[in-house]
């Protein structure tokens, strides 16, 4: 599945709330896309079954 269509759905669900992504490619060609939800987006995060984590390094994030 392409991540862009899922990311568009998540972004739409969040409205104007800021979301951030990080692309991780541990095995070369294919990457994993991780979405970080700020505390204000808790209800959106719950909808997508996100789990809490420590604050990520901001330099590795891209605004969604």
PDB file of N, CA and C in Angstrom:
ATOM      1  N   UNK A   1       0.841  -1.166   0.000  1.00  0.00           N
ATOM      2  CA  UNK A   1       0.000   0.000   0.000  1.00  0.00           C
ATOM      3  C   UNK A   1       0.893   1.237   0.000  1.00  0.00           C
ATOM      4  N   UNK A   2       0.459   2.238  -0.718  1.00  0.00           N
ATOM      5  CA  UNK A   2       1.215   3.483  -0.723  1.00  0.00           C
ATOM      6  C   UNK A   2       0.876   4.289   0.512  1.00  0.00           C
ATOM      7  N   UNK A   3       1.881   4.825   1.139  1.00  0.00           N
ATOM      8  CA  UNK A   3       1.677   5.577   2.372  1.00  0.00           C
ATOM      9  C   UNK A   3       0.975   6.901   2.120  1.00  0.00           C
ATOM     10  N   UNK A   4       1.142   7.478   0.945  1.00  0.00           N
ATOM     11  CA  UNK A   4       0.596   8.815   0.706  1.00  0.00           C
ATOM     12  C   UNK A   4      -0.919   8.871   0.867  1.00  0.00           C
ATOM     13  N   UNK A   5      -1.654   7.866   0.423  1.00  0.00           N
ATOM     14  CA  UNK A   5      -3.113   7.906   0.576  1.00  0.00           C
ATOM     15  C   UNK A   5      -3.522   7.801   2.045  1.00  0.00           C
ATOM     16  N   UNK A   6      -2.838   6.965   2.799  1.00  0.00           N
ATOM     17  CA  UNK A   6      -3.127   6.857   4.234  1.00  0.00           C
ATOM     18  C   UNK A   6      -2.737   8.144   4.967  1.00  0.00           C
ATOM     19  N   UNK A   7      -1.609   8.718   4.591  1.00  0.00           N
ATOM     20  CA  UNK A   7      -1.177   9.972   5.221  1.00  0.00           C
ATOM     21  C   UNK A   7      -2.161  11.097   4.924  1.00  0.00           C
ATOM     22  N   UNK A   8      -2.710  11.112   3.714  1.00  0.00           N
ATOM     23  CA  UNK A   8      -3.711  12.126   3.377  1.00  0.00           C
ATOM     24  C   UNK A   8      -4.944  11.986   4.257  1.00  0.00           C
ATOM     25  N   UNK A   9      -5.372  10.757   4.521  1.00  0.00           N
ATOM     26  CA  UNK A   9      -6.528  10.510   5.392  1.00  0.00           C
ATOM     27  C   UNK A   9      -6.244  10.996   6.813  1.00  0.00           C
ATOM     28  N   UNK A  10      -5.060  10.686   7.306  1.00  0.00           N
ATOM     29  CA  UNK A  10      -4.690  11.099   8.666  1.00  0.00           C
ATOM     30  C   UNK A  10      -4.625  12.619   8.756  1.00  0.00           C
ATOM     31  N   UNK A  11      -4.009  13.242   7.769  1.00  0.00           N
ATOM     32  CA  UNK A  11      -3.892  14.709   7.756  1.00  0.00           C
ATOM     33  C   UNK A  11      -5.272  15.358   7.722  1.00  0.00           C
ATOM     34  N   UNK A  12      -6.164  14.821   6.920  1.00  0.00           N
ATOM     35  CA  UNK A  12      -7.526  15.347   6.836  1.00  0.00           C
ATOM     36  C   UNK A  12      -8.234  15.201   8.185  1.00  0.00           C
ATOM     37  N   UNK A  13      -8.052  14.074   8.844  1.00  0.00           N
ATOM     38  CA  UNK A  13      -8.685  13.832  10.149  1.00  0.00           C
ATOM     39  C   UNK A  13      -8.196  14.814  11.209  1.00  0.00           C
ATOM     40  N   UNK A  14      -6.949  15.222  11.091  1.00  0.00           N
ATOM     41  CA  UNK A  14      -6.353  16.111  12.090  1.00  0.00           C
ATOM     42  C   UNK A  14      -6.742  17.569  11.879  1.00  0.00           C
ATOM     43  N   UNK A  15      -7.270  17.903  10.711  1.00  0.00           N
ATOM     44  CA  UNK A  15      -7.640  19.295  10.443  1.00  0.00           C
ATOM     45  C   UNK A  15      -6.413  20.190  10.470  1.00  0.00           C
ATOM     46  N   UNK A  16      -6.445  21.209  11.318  1.00  0.00           N
ATOM     47  CA  UNK A  16      -5.328  22.164  11.392  1.00  0.00           C
ATOM     48  C   UNK A  16      -4.284  21.795  12.442  1.00  0.00           C
ATOM     49  N   UNK A  17      -4.479  20.671  13.129  1.00  0.00           N
ATOM     50  CA  UNK A  17      -3.501  20.258  14.134  1.00  0.00           C
ATOM     51  C   UNK A  17      -2.205  19.834  13.453  1.00  0.00           C
ATOM     52  N   UNK A  18      -1.079  20.211  14.015  1.00  0.00           N
ATOM     53  CA  UNK A  18       0.196  19.838  13.391  1.00  0.00           C
ATOM     54  C   UNK A  18       0.509  18.359  13.600  1.00  0.00           C
ATOM     55  N   UNK A  19       0.925  17.705  12.539  1.00  0.00           N
ATOM     56  CA  UNK A  19       1.373  16.314  12.598  1.00  0.00           C
ATOM     57  C   UNK A  19       2.757  16.252  11.963  1.00  0.00           C
ATOM     58  N   UNK A  20       3.530  15.268  12.360  1.00  0.00           N
ATOM     59  CA  UNK A  20       4.891  15.134  11.856  1.00  0.00           C
ATOM     60  C   UNK A  20       5.144  13.697  11.447  1.00  0.00           C
ATOM     61  N   UNK A  21       6.018  13.501  10.474  1.00  0.00           N
ATOM     62  CA  UNK A  21       6.361  12.153  10.025  1.00  0.00           C
ATOM     63  C   UNK A  21       7.868  11.965  10.030  1.00  0.00           C
ATOM     64  N   UNK A  22       8.237  10.709  10.127  1.00  0.00           N
ATOM     65  CA  UNK A  22       9.644  10.323  10.011  1.00  0.00           C
ATOM     66  C   UNK A  22       9.686   9.072   9.155  1.00  0.00           C
ATOM     67  N   UNK A  23      10.585   9.054   8.194  1.00  0.00           N
ATOM     68  CA  UNK A  23      10.757   7.894   7.322  1.00  0.00           C
ATOM     69  C   UNK A  23      11.963   7.096   7.808  1.00  0.00           C
ATOM     70  N   UNK A  24      11.751   5.814   8.026  1.00  0.00           N
ATOM     71  CA  UNK A  24      12.808   4.930   8.518  1.00  0.00           C
ATOM     72  C   UNK A  24      12.982   3.816   7.501  1.00  0.00           C
ATOM     73  N   UNK A  25      14.214   3.612   7.046  1.00  0.00           N
ATOM     74  CA  UNK A  25      14.497   2.556   6.067  1.00  0.00           C
ATOM     75  C   UNK A  25      15.553   1.606   6.637  1.00  0.00           C
ATOM     76  N   UNK A  26      15.140   0.725   7.562  1.00  0.00           N
ATOM     77  CA  UNK A  26      16.110  -0.160   8.191  1.00  0.00           C
ATOM     78  C   UNK A  26      16.674  -1.241   7.270  1.00  0.00           C
ATOM     79  N   UNK A  27      15.931  -1.559   6.197  1.00  0.00           N
ATOM     80  CA  UNK A  27      16.364  -2.660   5.330  1.00  0.00           C
ATOM     81  C   UNK A  27      16.543  -2.231   3.883  1.00  0.00           C
ATOM     82  N   UNK A  28      16.901  -0.986   3.663  1.00  0.00           N
ATOM     83  CA  UNK A  28      17.195  -0.551   2.307  1.00  0.00           C
ATOM     84  C   UNK A  28      16.042   0.094   1.570  1.00  0.00           C
ATOM     85  N   UNK A  29      15.544  -0.569   0.554  1.00  0.00           N
ATOM     86  CA  UNK A  29      14.599   0.020  -0.392  1.00  0.00           C
ATOM     87  C   UNK A  29      13.283   0.485   0.226  1.00  0.00           C
ATOM     88  N   UNK A  30      12.622  -0.356   0.972  1.00  0.00           N
ATOM     89  CA  UNK A  30      11.320  -0.014   1.535  1.00  0.00           C
ATOM     90  C   UNK A  30      11.484   0.700   2.865  1.00  0.00           C
ATOM     91  N   UNK A  31      10.622   1.685   3.092  1.00  0.00           N
ATOM     92  CA  UNK A  31      10.737   2.417   4.350  1.00  0.00           C
ATOM     93  C   UNK A  31       9.443   2.319   5.148  1.00  0.00           C
ATOM     94  N   UNK A  32       9.584   2.596   6.413  1.00  0.00           N
ATOM     95  CA  UNK A  32       8.460   2.646   7.332  1.00  0.00           C
ATOM     96  C   UNK A  32       8.198   4.124   7.593  1.00  0.00           C
ATOM     97  N   UNK A  33       6.942   4.514   7.579  1.00  0.00           N
ATOM     98  CA  UNK A  33       6.574   5.899   7.844  1.00  0.00           C
ATOM     99  C   UNK A  33       5.943   5.944   9.226  1.00  0.00           C
ATOM    100  N   UNK A  34       6.501   6.764  10.087  1.00  0.00           N
ATOM    101  CA  UNK A  34       5.992   6.903  11.450  1.00  0.00           C
ATOM    102  C   UNK A  34       5.380   8.292  11.581  1.00  0.00           C
ATOM    103  N   UNK A  35       4.134   8.338  12.056  1.00  0.00           N
ATOM    104  CA  UNK A  35       3.441   9.613  12.251  1.00  0.00           C
ATOM    105  C   UNK A  35       3.467   9.943  13.736  1.00  0.00           C
ATOM    106  N   UNK A  36       3.842  11.170  14.041  1.00  0.00           N
ATOM    107  CA  UNK A  36       3.851  11.643  15.434  1.00  0.00           C
ATOM    108  C   UNK A  36       2.713  12.637  15.622  1.00  0.00           C
ATOM    109  N   UNK A  37       1.868  12.363  16.609  1.00  0.00           N
ATOM    110  CA  UNK A  37       0.733  13.213  16.936  1.00  0.00           C
ATOM    111  C   UNK A  37       1.074  14.018  18.192  1.00  0.00           C
ATOM    112  N   UNK A  38       0.883  15.331  18.180  1.00  0.00           N
ATOM    113  CA  UNK A  38       1.102  16.100  19.406  1.00  0.00           C
ATOM    114  C   UNK A  38      -0.040  15.815  20.391  1.00  0.00           C
ATOM    115  N   UNK A  39       0.145  16.170  21.648  1.00  0.00           N
ATOM    116  CA  UNK A  39      -0.901  15.903  22.645  1.00  0.00           C
ATOM    117  C   UNK A  39      -2.272  16.472  22.254  1.00  0.00           C
ATOM    118  N   UNK A  40      -2.298  17.601  21.543  1.00  0.00           N
ATOM    119  CA  UNK A  40      -3.579  18.202  21.148  1.00  0.00           C
ATOM    120  C   UNK A  40      -4.352  17.300  20.183  1.00  0.00           C
ATOM    121  N   UNK A  41      -3.678  16.396  19.504  1.00  0.00           N
ATOM    122  CA  UNK A  41      -4.307  15.512  18.522  1.00  0.00           C
ATOM    123  C   UNK A  41      -4.595  14.126  19.113  1.00  0.00           C
ATOM    124  N   UNK A  42      -4.777  14.076  20.409  1.00  0.00           N
ATOM    125  CA  UNK A  42      -4.968  12.788  21.095  1.00  0.00           C
ATOM    126  C   UNK A  42      -6.137  11.994  20.522  1.00  0.00           C
ATOM    127  N   UNK A  43      -7.257  12.654  20.226  1.00  0.00           N
ATOM    128  CA  UNK A  43      -8.427  11.919  19.715  1.00  0.00           C
ATOM    129  C   UNK A  43      -8.151  11.342  18.327  1.00  0.00           C
ATOM    130  N   UNK A  44      -7.425  12.064  17.498  1.00  0.00           N
ATOM    131  CA  UNK A  44      -7.062  11.558  16.171  1.00  0.00           C
ATOM    132  C   UNK A  44      -6.111  10.374  16.323  1.00  0.00           C
ATOM    133  N   UNK A  45      -5.137  10.513  17.214  1.00  0.00           N
ATOM    134  CA  UNK A  45      -4.173   9.431  17.453  1.00  0.00           C
ATOM    135  C   UNK A  45      -4.889   8.164  17.924  1.00  0.00           C
ATOM    136  N   UNK A  46      -5.866   8.326  18.818  1.00  0.00           N
ATOM    137  CA  UNK A  46      -6.624   7.169  19.312  1.00  0.00           C
ATOM    138  C   UNK A  46      -7.369   6.481  18.170  1.00  0.00           C
ATOM    139  N   UNK A  47      -7.931   7.279  17.280  1.00  0.00           N
ATOM    140  CA  UNK A  47      -8.674   6.727  16.143  1.00  0.00           C
ATOM    141  C   UNK A  47      -7.774   5.833  15.287  1.00  0.00           C
ATOM    142  N   UNK A  48      -6.514   6.206  15.144  1.00  0.00           N
ATOM    143  CA  UNK A  48      -5.574   5.432  14.327  1.00  0.00           C
ATOM    144  C   UNK A  48      -4.749   4.441  15.155  1.00  0.00           C
ATOM    145  N   UNK A  49      -5.179   4.209  16.404  1.00  0.00           N
ATOM    146  CA  UNK A  49      -4.549   3.231  17.304  1.00  0.00           C
ATOM    147  C   UNK A  49      -3.075   3.532  17.569  1.00  0.00           C
ATOM    148  N   UNK A  50      -2.733   4.811  17.597  1.00  0.00           N
ATOM    149  CA  UNK A  50      -1.356   5.214  17.902  1.00  0.00           C
ATOM    150  C   UNK A  50      -1.072   4.961  19.382  1.00  0.00           C
ATOM    151  N   UNK A  51       0.176   4.703  19.687  1.00  0.00           N
ATOM    152  CA  UNK A  51       0.578   4.486  21.075  1.00  0.00           C
ATOM    153  C   UNK A  51       1.504   5.620  21.514  1.00  0.00           C
ATOM    154  N   UNK A  52       1.444   6.004  22.782  1.00  0.00           N
ATOM    155  CA  UNK A  52       2.297   7.087  23.275  1.00  0.00           C
ATOM    156  C   UNK A  52       3.780   6.721  23.182  1.00  0.00           C
ATOM    157  N   UNK A  53       4.592   7.728  22.990  1.00  0.00           N
ATOM    158  CA  UNK A  53       6.041   7.529  22.948  1.00  0.00           C
ATOM    159  C   UNK A  53       6.726   8.769  23.503  1.00  0.00           C
ATOM    160  N   UNK A  54       8.012   8.668  23.688  1.00  0.00           N
ATOM    161  CA  UNK A  54       8.786   9.828  24.106  1.00  0.00           C
ATOM    162  C   UNK A  54       8.855  10.823  22.955  1.00  0.00           C
ATOM    163  N   UNK A  55       9.102  12.071  23.275  1.00  0.00           N
ATOM    164  CA  UNK A  55       9.206  13.096  22.243  1.00  0.00           C
ATOM    165  C   UNK A  55      10.389  12.770  21.326  1.00  0.00           C
ATOM    166  N   UNK A  56      10.145  12.721  20.011  1.00  0.00           N
ATOM    167  CA  UNK A  56      11.227  12.384  19.079  1.00  0.00           C
ATOM    168  C   UNK A  56      12.165  13.552  18.850  1.00  0.00           C
ATOM    169  N   UNK A  57      13.318  13.262  18.271  1.00  0.00           N
ATOM    170  CA  UNK A  57      14.278  14.291  17.891  1.00  0.00           C
ATOM    171  C   UNK A  57      13.655  15.114  16.764  1.00  0.00           C
ATOM    172  N   UNK A  58      13.425  16.400  17.001  1.00  0.00           N
ATOM    173  CA  UNK A  58      12.744  17.249  16.025  1.00  0.00           C
ATOM    174  C   UNK A  58      13.494  17.358  14.696  1.00  0.00           C
ATOM    175  N   UNK A  59      14.796  17.186  14.716  1.00  0.00           N
ATOM    176  CA  UNK A  59      15.565  17.333  13.480  1.00  0.00           C
ATOM    177  C   UNK A  59      15.269  16.192  12.500  1.00  0.00           C
ATOM    178  N   UNK A  60      14.710  15.089  12.976  1.00  0.00           N
ATOM    179  CA  UNK A  60      14.413  13.938  12.127  1.00  0.00           C
ATOM    180  C   UNK A  60      12.976  13.949  11.606  1.00  0.00           C
ATOM    181  N   UNK A  61      12.205  15.003  11.959  1.00  0.00           N
ATOM    182  CA  UNK A  61      10.796  15.039  11.599  1.00  0.00           C
ATOM    183  C   UNK A  61      10.525  15.981  10.435  1.00  0.00           C
ATOM    184  N   UNK A  62       9.477  15.651   9.698  1.00  0.00           N
ATOM    185  CA  UNK A  62       8.999  16.490   8.601  1.00  0.00           C
ATOM    186  C   UNK A  62       7.533  16.810   8.876  1.00  0.00           C
ATOM    187  N   UNK A  63       7.129  18.074   8.740  1.00  0.00           N
ATOM    188  CA  UNK A  63       5.706  18.369   8.923  1.00  0.00           C
ATOM    189  C   UNK A  63       4.872  17.634   7.886  1.00  0.00           C
ATOM    190  N   UNK A  64       3.715  17.159   8.306  1.00  0.00           N
ATOM    191  CA  UNK A  64       2.835  16.448   7.382  1.00  0.00           C
ATOM    192  C   UNK A  64       1.899  17.438   6.733  1.00  0.00           C
TER     193      UNK A  64
END
